[in-house]
Amino acid sequence: MAIHGLNISMAVFTALSAYGLLLYFEGGADAARATTLLTTLSYLAGIVACIAGIGFFGVQLDRRKSEERREEEDRKAVEAARKGHRKPVKGA
């Protein structure tokens, strides 16, 4: 779920940013004056939600990868201990 949420948040943020740049370059100040306050606030809310989603899902993905890395290290330590190379570390 974390990777999908992160991808969706980044895609929507990129799309909103590209739309804003295209709107600016095509219409400039005229386009900015033509938009209503509600449109501007909803656009801003979308951008803020995307940034929050990128942060939230990025942390979740980092946490998940850290757990997988830790499990892999524990598995290797147990496997090495089973072969007699070293004892597994307790409490780490």
Protein backbone atom coordinates (compact mmCIF):
# COMPACT_ATOMS: atom_id res chain seq x y z
CA MET A 1 0.00 0.00 0.00
CA ALA A 2 2.84 2.37 0.84
CA ILE A 3 4.45 2.16 -2.58
CA HIS A 4 1.12 2.65 -4.38
CA GLY A 5 0.17 5.62 -2.21
CA LEU A 6 3.59 7.16 -2.77
CA ASN A 7 3.36 6.66 -6.53
CA ILE A 8 -0.14 8.11 -6.71
CA SER A 9 0.80 11.13 -4.57
CA MET A 10 3.86 11.84 -6.70
CA ALA A 11 1.92 11.42 -9.96
CA VAL A 12 -0.87 13.77 -8.86
CA PHE A 13 1.65 16.32 -7.56
CA THR A 14 3.55 16.18 -10.87
CA ALA A 15 0.32 16.57 -12.83
CA LEU A 16 -0.84 19.54 -10.73
CA SER A 17 2.57 21.17 -11.08
CA ALA A 18 2.64 20.63 -14.85
CA TYR A 19 -0.90 21.98 -15.15
CA GLY A 20 0.06 25.07 -13.16
CA LEU A 21 3.14 25.68 -15.30
CA LEU A 22 1.21 25.24 -18.53
CA LEU A 23 -1.49 27.57 -17.28
CA TYR A 24 1.12 30.17 -16.34
CA PHE A 25 3.01 29.98 -19.63
CA GLU A 26 -0.12 30.02 -21.79
CA GLY A 27 -2.09 32.69 -20.00
CA GLY A 28 0.16 34.19 -17.38
CA ALA A 29 -1.44 36.90 -15.30
CA ASP A 30 -4.67 36.79 -17.31
CA ALA A 31 -5.23 33.17 -16.31
CA ALA A 32 -4.46 33.96 -12.68
CA ARG A 33 -7.00 36.79 -12.64
CA ALA A 34 -9.63 34.62 -14.32
CA THR A 35 -9.57 31.93 -11.62
CA THR A 36 -11.86 32.23 -8.64
CA LEU A 37 -10.78 32.04 -5.03
CA LEU A 38 -12.45 28.63 -4.66
CA THR A 39 -10.48 27.27 -7.62
CA THR A 40 -7.22 28.62 -6.25
CA LEU A 41 -7.87 27.23 -2.77
CA SER A 42 -8.85 23.81 -4.09
CA TYR A 43 -5.71 23.74 -6.24
CA LEU A 44 -3.64 24.68 -3.19
CA ALA A 45 -5.39 22.04 -1.05
CA GLY A 46 -4.60 19.41 -3.69
CA ILE A 47 -0.93 20.36 -3.70
CA VAL A 48 -0.72 20.32 0.11
CA ALA A 49 -2.48 16.93 0.24
CA CYS A 50 -0.02 15.52 -2.30
CA ILE A 51 2.99 16.78 -0.36
CA ALA A 52 1.54 15.31 2.85
CA GLY A 53 0.87 12.02 1.04
CA ILE A 54 4.42 11.89 -0.29
CA GLY A 55 5.77 12.45 3.22
CA PHE A 56 3.43 9.94 4.89
CA PHE A 57 3.80 7.15 2.35
CA GLY A 58 7.55 7.78 2.04
CA VAL A 59 7.97 7.22 5.79
CA GLN A 60 5.85 4.07 5.60
CA LEU A 61 7.95 2.72 2.72
CA ASP A 62 11.20 3.50 4.55
CA ARG A 63 9.90 1.75 7.66
CA ARG A 64 8.88 -1.29 5.62
CA LYS A 65 12.27 -1.54 3.89
CA SER A 66 14.05 -1.17 7.24
CA GLU A 67 12.02 -4.03 8.70
CA GLU A 68 12.75 -6.22 5.67
CA ARG A 69 16.47 -5.44 5.93
CA ARG A 70 16.46 -6.27 9.66
CA GLU A 71 14.64 -9.57 9.02
CA GLU A 72 17.16 -10.47 6.32
CA GLU A 73 20.08 -9.76 8.67
CA ASP A 74 18.46 -11.87 11.40
CA ARG A 75 17.89 -14.71 8.95
CA LYS A 76 21.51 -14.60 7.83
CA ALA A 77 22.74 -14.56 11.44
CA VAL A 78 20.61 -17.60 12.30
CA GLU A 79 21.79 -19.39 9.16
CA ALA A 80 25.44 -18.62 9.96
CA ALA A 81 24.95 -19.81 13.55
CA ARG A 82 23.37 -23.01 12.29
CA LYS A 83 26.45 -23.64 10.16
CA GLY A 84 28.65 -22.99 13.19
CA HIS A 85 30.29 -19.78 12.01
CA ARG A 86 29.09 -17.61 14.87
CA LYS A 87 26.44 -17.32 17.52
CA PRO A 88 23.31 -15.23 16.83
CA VAL A 89 23.21 -11.84 18.53
CA LYS A 90 20.52 -11.67 21.20
CA GLY A 91 18.41 -8.54 21.63
CA ALA A 92 19.67 -6.69 18.55
